[in-house]
N, C-alpha and C. Protein backbone atom coordinates (compact mmCIF):
# COMPACT_ATOMS: atom_id res chain seq x y z
N MET A 1 -43.48 24.85 90.95
CA MET A 1 -42.74 24.53 90.24
C MET A 1 -41.08 24.34 90.06
N LEU A 2 -40.66 23.30 89.51
CA LEU A 2 -39.44 23.17 89.79
C LEU A 2 -38.94 22.84 88.02
N LEU A 3 -37.73 23.74 87.18
CA LEU A 3 -36.92 23.24 86.28
C LEU A 3 -35.62 23.04 86.78
N VAL A 4 -35.63 21.36 86.23
CA VAL A 4 -34.41 20.86 86.17
C VAL A 4 -34.00 20.72 85.01
N VAL A 5 -32.42 21.53 85.16
CA VAL A 5 -31.92 21.42 83.69
C VAL A 5 -30.85 20.66 83.33
N GLY A 6 -30.82 19.96 83.15
CA GLY A 6 -29.08 18.87 82.73
C GLY A 6 -28.43 19.19 81.67
N LEU A 7 -26.89 19.83 81.88
CA LEU A 7 -26.20 19.89 80.54
C LEU A 7 -25.25 19.73 80.06
N GLY A 8 -25.22 19.62 78.74
CA GLY A 8 -24.35 18.60 78.18
C GLY A 8 -24.53 19.18 76.35
N ASN A 9 -24.03 18.41 75.67
CA ASN A 9 -23.39 18.25 74.22
C ASN A 9 -24.64 17.72 73.46
N PRO A 10 -25.36 17.80 72.74
CA PRO A 10 -26.46 16.83 71.68
C PRO A 10 -25.67 16.37 70.53
N GLY A 11 -26.28 15.51 70.52
CA GLY A 11 -25.60 14.67 68.88
C GLY A 11 -24.64 13.30 69.51
N LYS A 12 -24.96 12.47 68.25
CA LYS A 12 -24.16 11.22 68.65
C LYS A 12 -22.79 11.04 69.13
N ARG A 13 -22.01 12.54 68.20
CA ARG A 13 -20.48 12.18 68.67
C ARG A 13 -20.29 12.22 70.45
N TYR A 14 -20.87 12.88 71.02
CA TYR A 14 -21.11 13.56 71.98
C TYR A 14 -21.67 13.09 73.35
N GLN A 15 -22.50 11.80 73.27
CA GLN A 15 -23.42 11.40 73.77
C GLN A 15 -23.07 10.57 75.18
N SER A 16 -21.81 9.97 74.57
CA SER A 16 -21.28 9.04 75.57
C SER A 16 -20.04 9.63 76.55
N THR A 17 -19.78 10.85 76.25
CA THR A 17 -18.45 11.57 77.36
C THR A 17 -19.17 12.20 78.43
N ARG A 18 -17.95 12.27 79.07
CA ARG A 18 -18.37 12.84 80.50
C ARG A 18 -18.89 13.84 80.73
N HIS A 19 -18.89 15.00 79.68
CA HIS A 19 -19.37 16.24 79.48
C HIS A 19 -21.21 16.40 79.69
N ASN A 20 -21.52 14.77 79.45
CA ASN A 20 -23.25 14.94 79.63
C ASN A 20 -23.74 14.26 80.78
N ALA A 21 -22.79 14.56 81.73
CA ALA A 21 -23.37 13.64 83.33
C ALA A 21 -24.64 14.56 83.07
N GLY A 22 -24.69 15.48 82.99
CA GLY A 22 -26.04 16.36 83.38
C GLY A 22 -27.13 15.41 82.25
N PHE A 23 -26.66 15.35 81.33
CA PHE A 23 -28.05 15.06 80.61
C PHE A 23 -28.29 13.41 81.40
N PHE A 24 -27.06 12.70 81.35
CA PHE A 24 -27.53 11.35 82.27
C PHE A 24 -28.69 11.14 83.12
N ALA A 25 -27.87 12.21 84.26
CA ALA A 25 -29.10 12.38 85.37
C ALA A 25 -30.61 12.90 84.92
N VAL A 26 -30.94 13.59 84.12
CA VAL A 26 -32.06 13.98 83.69
C VAL A 26 -32.71 12.40 82.83
N ASP A 27 -31.89 12.20 82.07
CA ASP A 27 -32.26 11.41 81.43
C ASP A 27 -33.15 10.27 82.45
N ARG A 28 -32.25 9.72 83.00
CA ARG A 28 -32.59 8.11 83.91
C ARG A 28 -33.86 8.94 84.83
N LEU A 29 -33.91 10.25 85.17
CA LEU A 29 -34.99 10.30 86.65
C LEU A 29 -36.33 10.42 85.38
N ALA A 30 -35.84 10.93 84.03
CA ALA A 30 -37.38 10.88 83.65
C ALA A 30 -37.91 9.37 83.08
N GLN A 31 -36.63 8.45 83.03
CA GLN A 31 -37.04 6.70 82.97
C GLN A 31 -37.49 6.10 83.98
N ILE A 32 -37.87 6.75 84.66
CA ILE A 32 -37.51 6.38 86.49
C ILE A 32 -39.28 6.56 86.44
N ARG A 33 -39.35 7.83 86.05
CA ARG A 33 -40.86 8.72 86.64
C ARG A 33 -41.58 8.35 84.68
N GLY A 34 -41.30 7.55 84.11
CA GLY A 34 -41.91 7.39 82.84
C GLY A 34 -42.53 8.81 82.43
N ALA A 35 -41.77 9.87 82.19
CA ALA A 35 -41.74 10.91 81.99
C ALA A 35 -40.99 10.96 80.33
N ALA A 36 -41.95 11.43 79.57
CA ALA A 36 -41.35 11.64 77.53
C ALA A 36 -40.59 12.68 77.67
N TRP A 37 -39.29 13.08 76.58
CA TRP A 37 -39.00 13.71 76.38
C TRP A 37 -39.43 14.13 74.97
N LEU A 38 -39.99 15.99 74.65
CA LEU A 38 -40.86 16.55 73.65
C LEU A 38 -39.41 17.55 72.97
N PRO A 39 -39.57 17.25 71.63
CA PRO A 39 -38.05 18.95 71.58
C PRO A 39 -39.25 19.91 71.98
N ASP A 40 -38.85 21.04 71.81
CA ASP A 40 -39.53 22.55 72.18
C ASP A 40 -38.52 23.65 71.70
N ARG A 41 -38.84 24.21 70.10
CA ARG A 41 -38.08 24.56 69.59
C ARG A 41 -37.82 26.29 70.58
N ALA A 42 -38.59 26.01 70.74
CA ALA A 42 -39.11 28.02 71.05
C ALA A 42 -38.08 28.22 72.36
N THR A 43 -37.32 27.32 72.90
CA THR A 43 -36.61 27.18 73.89
C THR A 43 -35.24 26.71 73.97
N ASP A 44 -35.31 25.84 72.12
CA ASP A 44 -34.09 24.80 71.48
C ASP A 44 -33.88 23.70 72.93
N SER A 45 -35.02 23.53 73.53
CA SER A 45 -34.01 22.52 74.55
C SER A 45 -35.44 21.25 74.12
N HIS A 46 -35.10 19.73 74.42
CA HIS A 46 -35.85 18.71 75.06
C HIS A 46 -36.34 18.80 76.39
N MET A 47 -38.00 18.99 76.49
CA MET A 47 -38.04 18.59 77.96
C MET A 47 -39.10 17.68 77.62
N ALA A 48 -39.35 17.39 79.52
CA ALA A 48 -40.20 16.82 79.85
C ALA A 48 -41.03 16.91 81.05
N HIS A 49 -42.58 16.08 81.31
CA HIS A 49 -43.03 16.77 82.51
C HIS A 49 -43.22 15.71 83.29
N LEU A 50 -43.28 16.08 84.58
CA LEU A 50 -43.39 14.90 85.46
C LEU A 50 -44.09 15.48 86.77
N TYR A 51 -44.34 15.13 88.22
CA TYR A 51 -43.99 15.70 89.30
C TYR A 51 -43.16 14.93 90.42
N LEU A 52 -42.85 16.03 90.30
CA LEU A 52 -41.94 15.71 92.15
C LEU A 52 -42.67 16.02 93.18
N ALA A 53 -42.87 15.19 94.54
CA ALA A 53 -43.26 15.79 95.84
C ALA A 53 -44.23 16.36 95.75
N GLY A 54 -45.17 16.28 94.78
CA GLY A 54 -46.48 17.03 94.50
C GLY A 54 -46.34 18.36 93.48
N ARG A 55 -44.68 18.33 93.00
CA ARG A 55 -44.66 19.95 92.87
C ARG A 55 -44.46 19.69 90.92
N ASP A 56 -45.36 20.68 90.20
CA ASP A 56 -44.84 20.43 88.78
C ASP A 56 -43.77 20.74 88.29
N THR A 57 -43.34 19.95 87.78
CA THR A 57 -41.87 19.68 86.99
C THR A 57 -41.70 19.61 85.63
N TRP A 58 -40.50 20.25 85.10
CA TRP A 58 -40.07 20.53 84.28
C TRP A 58 -38.33 19.82 84.22
N LEU A 59 -38.52 18.96 83.70
CA LEU A 59 -36.81 18.65 83.03
C LEU A 59 -36.38 18.99 81.37
N ALA A 60 -35.15 19.26 81.34
CA ALA A 60 -34.95 19.78 80.28
C ALA A 60 -33.43 19.61 80.26
N LYS A 61 -33.49 19.48 78.59
CA LYS A 61 -32.04 19.31 77.75
C LYS A 61 -31.77 20.00 76.70
N PRO A 62 -30.81 21.07 76.91
CA PRO A 62 -30.71 22.13 76.18
C PRO A 62 -29.84 21.57 74.66
N GLN A 63 -30.60 22.44 73.95
CA GLN A 63 -29.64 21.34 72.58
C GLN A 63 -28.97 22.92 71.78
N THR A 64 -28.17 23.31 72.56
CA THR A 64 -27.63 24.74 72.02
C THR A 64 -26.08 24.05 72.08
N TYR A 65 -25.81 23.13 72.59
CA TYR A 65 -24.20 23.16 72.58
C TYR A 65 -23.69 23.64 74.44
N MET A 66 -22.94 23.17 74.92
CA MET A 66 -22.34 23.26 76.12
C MET A 66 -22.22 24.88 76.14
N ASN A 67 -21.32 25.54 75.57
CA ASN A 67 -21.17 26.60 75.65
C ASN A 67 -21.59 27.81 75.79
N ARG A 68 -23.54 27.83 74.88
CA ARG A 68 -24.10 28.44 74.85
C ARG A 68 -25.77 27.61 75.48
N SER A 69 -25.46 27.15 76.39
CA SER A 69 -26.56 27.06 77.35
C SER A 69 -27.34 27.76 78.12
N GLY A 70 -27.03 28.76 78.12
CA GLY A 70 -27.26 29.87 78.95
C GLY A 70 -28.76 30.40 78.23
N THR A 71 -28.37 30.76 76.49
CA THR A 71 -29.56 30.96 75.78
C THR A 71 -30.57 30.07 75.91
N SER A 72 -30.54 28.80 76.27
CA SER A 72 -31.84 27.76 76.40
C SER A 72 -32.63 28.03 77.67
N VAL A 73 -32.00 27.83 78.95
CA VAL A 73 -32.00 28.58 79.87
C VAL A 73 -32.97 29.70 80.27
N SER A 74 -32.19 30.39 79.64
CA SER A 74 -33.30 31.71 79.64
C SER A 74 -34.71 31.47 78.65
N ALA A 75 -34.34 31.19 78.04
CA ALA A 75 -35.40 30.89 77.24
C ALA A 75 -36.40 30.13 78.28
N LEU A 76 -36.01 28.91 79.01
CA LEU A 76 -36.66 27.79 79.36
C LEU A 76 -37.40 29.43 80.81
N LYS A 77 -37.17 29.70 81.30
CA LYS A 77 -37.02 30.34 82.29
C LYS A 77 -38.31 31.33 81.93
N GLY A 78 -37.80 32.15 80.66
CA GLY A 78 -39.38 33.13 80.86
C GLY A 78 -40.60 32.19 80.07
N LYS A 79 -40.35 31.17 79.12
CA LYS A 79 -41.70 30.07 78.98
C LYS A 79 -42.72 29.65 80.31
N LEU A 80 -41.66 29.53 81.12
CA LEU A 80 -42.11 28.96 81.96
C LEU A 80 -42.46 30.03 83.02
N ASP A 81 -42.09 30.72 83.41
CA ASP A 81 -42.75 32.22 84.28
C ASP A 81 -41.95 31.84 85.19
N CYS A 82 -40.44 31.15 85.86
CA CYS A 82 -39.81 30.62 87.09
C CYS A 82 -38.83 31.55 87.27
N SER A 83 -38.88 31.14 89.00
CA SER A 83 -37.60 32.39 89.57
C SER A 83 -36.60 31.57 89.58
N LEU A 84 -35.58 32.14 90.21
CA LEU A 84 -33.87 31.47 89.38
C LEU A 84 -34.04 30.79 90.74
N GLN A 85 -34.71 30.43 91.58
CA GLN A 85 -35.07 29.74 92.66
C GLN A 85 -35.68 28.48 92.63
N ASP A 86 -36.43 28.47 91.60
CA ASP A 86 -36.75 27.07 90.85
C ASP A 86 -36.24 26.56 89.87
N ILE A 87 -35.06 27.09 89.64
CA ILE A 87 -34.70 25.98 88.48
C ILE A 87 -33.12 25.47 89.53
N LEU A 88 -32.73 24.08 88.87
CA LEU A 88 -31.77 23.48 89.28
C LEU A 88 -30.64 23.15 87.84
N ILE A 89 -29.32 23.81 87.95
CA ILE A 89 -28.76 22.52 86.99
C ILE A 89 -28.07 21.88 87.82
N VAL A 90 -28.27 20.71 86.60
CA VAL A 90 -27.15 19.70 86.90
C VAL A 90 -26.17 19.79 85.56
N LEU A 91 -24.53 19.59 86.33
CA LEU A 91 -23.88 19.74 85.48
C LEU A 91 -22.54 18.65 86.07
N ASP A 92 -21.55 18.37 84.99
CA ASP A 92 -20.35 17.39 85.20
C ASP A 92 -19.31 18.62 85.81
N ASP A 93 -18.72 17.70 87.10
CA ASP A 93 -17.49 18.80 87.74
C ASP A 93 -16.26 17.73 87.34
N PHE A 94 -15.05 17.63 86.76
CA PHE A 94 -13.89 17.25 87.27
C PHE A 94 -13.15 17.09 88.07
N LEU A 95 -12.95 18.16 88.82
CA LEU A 95 -12.39 18.16 89.93
C LEU A 95 -12.73 17.59 91.48
N LEU A 96 -13.98 17.05 91.02
CA LEU A 96 -15.21 16.59 91.85
C LEU A 96 -14.68 14.76 91.95
N ASP A 97 -14.37 14.02 92.90
CA ASP A 97 -14.02 12.63 92.54
C ASP A 97 -15.50 11.77 91.64
N PHE A 98 -15.01 11.07 91.24
CA PHE A 98 -15.88 10.50 90.31
C PHE A 98 -16.75 9.71 91.41
N GLY A 99 -18.12 9.63 90.64
CA GLY A 99 -19.50 8.83 91.48
C GLY A 99 -19.96 10.11 92.56
N ARG A 100 -19.47 11.61 93.39
CA ARG A 100 -19.85 12.00 94.16
C ARG A 100 -20.68 13.03 93.27
N VAL A 101 -21.36 14.07 94.54
CA VAL A 101 -22.58 14.69 94.01
C VAL A 101 -22.29 15.85 95.11
N ARG A 102 -22.35 17.00 94.28
CA ARG A 102 -22.39 18.31 95.46
C ARG A 102 -23.51 19.39 95.04
N PHE A 103 -24.58 19.78 95.82
CA PHE A 103 -25.35 20.48 95.87
C PHE A 103 -24.89 21.99 96.28
N ARG A 104 -24.95 23.29 95.45
CA ARG A 104 -24.92 24.48 96.18
C ARG A 104 -25.70 25.38 95.50
N ARG A 105 -26.26 26.51 96.46
CA ARG A 105 -26.82 27.25 96.74
C ARG A 105 -26.84 28.33 95.35
N ARG A 106 -25.29 28.68 95.64
CA ARG A 106 -24.95 29.42 94.69
C ARG A 106 -23.74 29.84 94.63
N GLY A 107 -23.23 30.77 93.69
CA GLY A 107 -21.46 30.85 93.37
C GLY A 107 -20.92 30.76 91.95
N SER A 108 -19.66 30.94 91.79
CA SER A 108 -19.39 31.52 90.59
C SER A 108 -19.30 29.77 89.80
N ASP A 109 -18.57 30.36 88.30
CA ASP A 109 -18.57 28.78 87.37
C ASP A 109 -18.01 27.74 87.71
N GLY A 110 -17.05 27.85 88.32
CA GLY A 110 -15.40 26.79 88.53
C GLY A 110 -15.36 26.54 87.50
N GLY A 111 -15.25 27.31 86.61
CA GLY A 111 -14.93 27.01 85.03
C GLY A 111 -15.33 25.98 84.53
N HIS A 112 -16.41 26.36 84.52
CA HIS A 112 -17.64 24.96 83.69
C HIS A 112 -17.70 26.28 82.56
N ASN A 113 -18.05 25.71 81.40
CA ASN A 113 -18.22 26.89 80.64
C ASN A 113 -19.87 27.17 80.24
N GLY A 114 -19.99 26.10 80.51
CA GLY A 114 -22.02 25.85 79.89
C GLY A 114 -22.70 26.23 81.28
N LEU A 115 -22.23 26.41 82.91
CA LEU A 115 -22.95 27.18 83.86
C LEU A 115 -22.43 28.66 83.87
N ALA A 116 -20.68 28.72 83.04
CA ALA A 116 -20.84 30.33 83.12
C ALA A 116 -21.56 30.99 81.46
N SER A 117 -22.37 30.36 80.58
CA SER A 117 -23.26 31.33 80.32
C SER A 117 -24.71 30.78 80.74
N VAL A 118 -25.02 29.92 81.39
CA VAL A 118 -26.54 30.52 82.09
C VAL A 118 -26.16 30.99 83.24
N LEU A 119 -25.03 31.23 83.94
CA LEU A 119 -25.06 32.37 85.03
C LEU A 119 -25.12 34.06 83.97
N GLN A 120 -24.69 33.92 82.86
CA GLN A 120 -24.28 35.06 81.95
C GLN A 120 -25.90 35.87 81.77
N GLU A 121 -26.43 34.10 81.00
CA GLU A 121 -28.12 34.98 80.76
C GLU A 121 -28.99 35.15 81.68
N LEU A 122 -28.50 34.54 82.50
CA LEU A 122 -29.63 35.25 84.03
C LEU A 122 -29.42 36.07 84.57
N GLY A 123 -27.98 36.72 84.20
CA GLY A 123 -27.85 38.06 84.98
C GLY A 123 -27.56 37.50 86.55
N SER A 124 -26.97 36.48 87.24
CA SER A 124 -26.71 36.28 88.61
C SER A 124 -26.57 35.10 89.05
N ASP A 125 -25.61 35.18 89.97
CA ASP A 125 -25.05 33.55 90.46
C ASP A 125 -25.87 32.95 91.23
N ALA A 126 -26.83 33.36 91.73
CA ALA A 126 -27.77 33.05 92.61
C ALA A 126 -28.46 31.84 91.79
N VAL A 127 -27.86 30.79 91.07
CA VAL A 127 -28.73 29.79 90.53
C VAL A 127 -28.24 28.47 91.57
N PRO A 128 -29.32 27.84 92.25
CA PRO A 128 -28.99 27.01 92.79
C PRO A 128 -28.58 25.58 92.03
N ARG A 129 -27.45 24.33 92.17
CA ARG A 129 -26.79 23.90 91.01
C ARG A 129 -26.74 22.64 91.57
N LEU A 130 -26.10 21.28 90.94
CA LEU A 130 -25.79 20.07 91.01
C LEU A 130 -24.76 19.50 90.48
N ARG A 131 -23.47 19.44 91.01
CA ARG A 131 -22.45 18.91 90.41
C ARG A 131 -22.36 17.36 90.56
N LEU A 132 -21.91 17.14 89.57
CA LEU A 132 -21.54 15.39 89.64
C LEU A 132 -20.22 15.30 89.42
N GLY A 133 -19.62 14.15 89.95
CA GLY A 133 -18.38 14.38 90.11
C GLY A 133 -17.98 13.07 89.16
N ILE A 134 -16.82 13.43 87.89
CA ILE A 134 -16.53 12.72 86.57
C ILE A 134 -14.78 12.80 87.00
N GLY A 135 -13.74 13.31 87.95
CA GLY A 135 -13.11 13.05 88.07
C GLY A 135 -12.01 12.12 89.28
N PRO A 136 -11.36 12.54 89.19
CA PRO A 136 -10.71 13.75 89.67
C PRO A 136 -9.74 13.78 88.68
N LEU A 137 -9.60 15.22 87.53
CA LEU A 137 -8.55 15.43 86.56
C LEU A 137 -7.08 15.21 86.81
N GLN A 138 -6.12 14.79 86.45
CA GLN A 138 -4.81 15.31 86.52
C GLN A 138 -4.24 16.34 86.39
N PRO A 139 -3.11 16.69 86.93
CA PRO A 139 -3.18 17.59 86.99
C PRO A 139 -2.05 17.84 85.10
N ALA A 140 -1.45 16.61 84.52
CA ALA A 140 -1.10 16.69 83.42
C ALA A 140 -2.01 16.54 82.77
N GLU A 141 -3.03 16.31 82.66
CA GLU A 141 -4.52 15.95 81.28
C GLU A 141 -5.04 17.84 81.59
N ASP A 142 -5.28 17.26 79.60
CA ASP A 142 -5.81 18.56 78.85
C ASP A 142 -7.46 18.75 79.41
N SER A 143 -7.93 19.54 79.85
CA SER A 143 -9.32 19.60 80.53
C SER A 143 -10.03 19.53 79.81
N MET A 144 -10.50 19.95 78.62
CA MET A 144 -11.22 20.15 77.54
C MET A 144 -10.82 18.49 76.93
N GLU A 145 -10.55 17.87 76.84
CA GLU A 145 -9.42 16.82 75.83
C GLU A 145 -10.53 16.01 77.28
N TYR A 146 -10.38 15.97 78.46
CA TYR A 146 -10.98 14.79 79.58
C TYR A 146 -12.60 15.06 79.50
N VAL A 147 -13.16 16.37 79.41
CA VAL A 147 -14.13 16.00 79.38
C VAL A 147 -15.35 15.59 78.53
N LEU A 148 -14.68 15.88 77.30
CA LEU A 148 -14.76 15.44 75.42
C LEU A 148 -14.60 13.42 75.72
N SER A 149 -14.27 13.31 76.62
CA SER A 149 -13.58 12.16 76.13
C SER A 149 -14.26 10.70 76.94
N PRO A 150 -14.97 9.65 76.25
CA PRO A 150 -15.85 8.92 77.00
C PRO A 150 -15.00 8.18 78.45
N PHE A 151 -16.47 7.84 78.99
CA PHE A 151 -16.23 7.16 79.93
C PHE A 151 -15.11 6.21 80.43
N GLY A 152 -14.44 5.67 81.24
CA GLY A 152 -13.87 4.21 81.06
C GLY A 152 -14.39 2.93 81.19
N PRO A 153 -13.86 1.67 80.61
CA PRO A 153 -14.86 0.78 81.04
C PRO A 153 -15.00 0.46 82.49
N GLU A 154 -14.12 1.01 83.51
CA GLU A 154 -14.00 0.75 85.02
C GLU A 154 -15.38 1.83 85.82
N GLU A 155 -15.56 2.82 85.21
CA GLU A 155 -16.59 3.41 85.82
C GLU A 155 -18.36 3.14 85.74
N ASP A 156 -18.98 3.16 86.40
CA ASP A 156 -19.89 2.88 86.29
C ASP A 156 -21.24 3.88 85.93
N VAL A 157 -21.03 4.46 85.06
CA VAL A 157 -21.71 6.01 84.40
C VAL A 157 -23.42 5.03 84.41
N ASP A 158 -23.75 4.53 84.69
CA ASP A 158 -25.04 4.09 85.36
C ASP A 158 -25.41 4.12 86.48
N ALA A 159 -24.31 4.13 87.06
CA ALA A 159 -24.72 4.68 88.81
C ALA A 159 -24.30 5.92 89.32
N VAL A 160 -23.85 6.77 88.22
CA VAL A 160 -23.60 7.95 88.22
C VAL A 160 -24.63 8.89 88.21
N ALA A 161 -25.72 8.25 87.21
CA ALA A 161 -26.76 8.42 86.43
C ALA A 161 -27.93 8.62 87.75
N LEU A 162 -28.01 7.59 87.93
CA LEU A 162 -28.50 6.94 89.07
C LEU A 162 -28.39 7.80 90.33
N THR A 163 -27.47 8.14 90.97
CA THR A 163 -27.22 9.08 92.03
C THR A 163 -27.50 10.23 91.60
N GLY A 164 -27.57 10.94 90.68
CA GLY A 164 -27.94 12.33 90.05
C GLY A 164 -29.35 12.40 90.59
N ALA A 165 -29.88 11.38 89.88
CA ALA A 165 -31.87 11.33 89.61
C ALA A 165 -32.54 11.55 91.71
N THR A 166 -31.61 10.38 92.00
CA THR A 166 -32.01 10.55 93.56
C THR A 166 -31.83 11.09 94.24
N ALA A 167 -30.34 11.82 94.32
CA ALA A 167 -30.16 13.34 94.60
C ALA A 167 -31.27 14.61 94.44
N ILE A 168 -31.93 14.67 92.55
CA ILE A 168 -32.94 15.12 92.07
C ILE A 168 -33.84 15.71 93.53
N GLU A 169 -34.72 13.98 93.24
CA GLU A 169 -35.29 13.94 93.86
C GLU A 169 -35.58 14.10 95.08
N TYR A 170 -34.40 13.97 95.59
CA TYR A 170 -34.40 14.68 97.46
C TYR A 170 -34.71 15.74 97.45
N TYR A 171 -34.09 16.39 96.38
CA TYR A 171 -33.67 18.41 96.74
C TYR A 171 -35.33 18.50 96.47
N ALA A 172 -35.95 17.69 95.57
CA ALA A 172 -37.66 18.42 95.08
C ALA A 172 -38.04 18.16 96.68
N GLU A 173 -37.99 17.26 97.17
CA GLU A 173 -38.91 16.76 98.91
C GLU A 173 -38.21 17.48 99.17
N ALA A 174 -37.03 17.92 100.08
CA ALA A 174 -36.56 18.53 101.20
C ALA A 174 -35.48 20.21 100.96
N GLY A 175 -35.47 20.43 99.85
CA GLY A 175 -34.84 21.68 99.57
C GLY A 175 -34.11 21.72 99.65
N ILE A 176 -32.86 22.51 99.05
CA ILE A 176 -31.29 22.72 98.97
C ILE A 176 -30.43 22.26 100.33
N GLU A 177 -31.04 23.03 101.25
CA GLU A 177 -30.52 22.89 102.65
C GLU A 177 -30.17 21.49 103.06
N ALA A 178 -31.55 21.29 103.17
CA ALA A 178 -31.64 19.11 103.55
C ALA A 178 -30.03 18.91 102.23
N ALA A 179 -30.04 19.06 100.91
CA ALA A 179 -30.03 17.89 99.82
C ALA A 179 -28.31 18.36 100.50
N MET A 180 -28.21 19.60 101.01
CA MET A 180 -26.70 20.11 100.88
C MET A 180 -26.15 19.66 102.44
N ASN A 181 -27.11 19.41 103.51
CA ASN A 181 -26.72 18.19 104.41
C ASN A 181 -26.76 17.18 104.03
N ARG A 182 -27.23 16.56 103.37
CA ARG A 182 -27.00 15.15 103.08
C ARG A 182 -26.34 14.60 102.34
N PHE A 183 -25.91 15.42 101.19
CA PHE A 183 -25.24 14.97 99.88
C PHE A 183 -23.55 15.57 100.37
N ASN A 184 -23.28 16.89 100.75
CA ASN A 184 -21.66 17.32 101.16
C ASN A 184 -21.67 17.33 102.25
N ALA A 185 -22.22 16.69 103.06
CA ALA A 185 -21.38 16.62 104.48
C ALA A 185 -20.53 15.49 104.53
N PRO A 186 -19.24 15.40 105.39
CA PRO A 186 -18.42 14.25 105.43
C PRO A 186 -19.11 13.43 106.40
N GLN A 187 -18.98 12.12 105.94
CA GLN A 187 -18.81 11.27 106.95
C GLN A 187 -18.22 11.12 107.88
N SER A 188 -17.97 10.29 109.39
CA SER A 188 -16.70 10.26 110.57
C SER A 188 -16.03 9.58 110.14
N ASP A 189 -15.44 9.14 108.53
CA ASP A 189 -14.82 8.31 108.43
C ASP A 189 -13.59 9.42 107.49
N GLY A 190 -14.56 10.47 106.91
CA GLY A 190 -13.89 11.67 105.94
C GLY A 190 -14.13 11.52 105.09
N THR A 191 -15.18 10.16 104.45
CA THR A 191 -15.87 10.22 103.39
C THR A 191 -17.05 10.99 103.28
N GLU A 192 -17.51 11.88 101.77
CA GLU A 192 -18.29 12.21 101.65
C GLU A 192 -19.60 11.53 101.18
N ALA A 193 -21.02 12.16 102.06
CA ALA A 193 -22.13 11.43 102.15
C ALA A 193 -22.85 10.68 100.93
N ALA A 194 -22.35 11.34 99.60
CA ALA A 194 -22.70 11.05 98.27
C ALA A 194 -22.13 10.41 97.38
N GLY A 195 -21.58 9.24 98.07
CA GLY A 195 -20.66 8.26 97.96
C GLY A 195 -22.15 7.21 96.65
N ILE A 196 -21.36 6.55 95.32
CA ILE A 196 -22.48 6.13 94.81
C ILE A 196 -23.14 4.65 95.44
N CYS A 197 -22.56 4.41 96.42
CA CYS A 197 -22.68 3.37 97.30
C CYS A 197 -23.88 3.90 98.40
N GLN A 198 -23.74 4.43 98.75
CA GLN A 198 -25.01 5.07 99.49
C GLN A 198 -26.25 5.32 98.55
N GLN A 199 -26.12 5.69 98.16
CA GLN A 199 -27.39 6.68 97.21
C GLN A 199 -28.07 5.84 96.21
N THR A 200 -27.79 4.85 95.31
CA THR A 200 -28.38 4.13 94.23
C THR A 200 -29.23 3.59 94.93
N SER A 201 -29.90 3.03 95.97
CA SER A 201 -30.60 2.49 96.43
C SER A 201 -31.61 3.14 96.91
N GLY A 202 -31.63 4.82 96.82
CA GLY A 202 -32.64 5.15 96.76
C GLY A 202 -32.68 6.06 98.12
N TRP A 203 -33.41 7.04 98.71
CA TRP A 203 -32.73 8.23 99.59
C TRP A 203 -33.87 7.66 101.04
N LYS A 204 -35.09 7.49 100.78
CA LYS A 204 -35.86 7.03 101.17
C LYS A 204 -35.90 6.30 102.70
């Protein structure tokens, strides 16, 4: 079983903001796979069911607002009776170049309030996560203002969502180690393997 949780803020006010990149990725994956979103009051989330690589998979979007994401994720873990290693958190990262993605097996929250809430509620930092680049944040910019701002007209948000969806599919098929090697490792020219152009056409 696999639980993929995209982090974001619910409501029309936030739907197009950078902080909702996690929502965008799981929304695109649900669209590709023809999975329908349904509200789940018990976990304060929207959930969609599908199969990835033959695995029973749930996508989820907490409706608690970003800073309380952990309460929803903890409830989802209890409802589905899954382990920490069965969970993949998908979130935005303003320190990562726009369009890049990066997998991590575990680690700190990196200053992300949504991930901080998840790690606190689950009582561990051993939670796999996929970071979606929405940056880089410039030194003079306010981080909160930046993540709650909409993407610029020159930024291809659809490509970011598709890259995230593709990365999730690859993770489900090949596992965290292979996903890290494919999406995190630098190319011979020094660029990362997770660029939008390399990934949006699919991984197979």
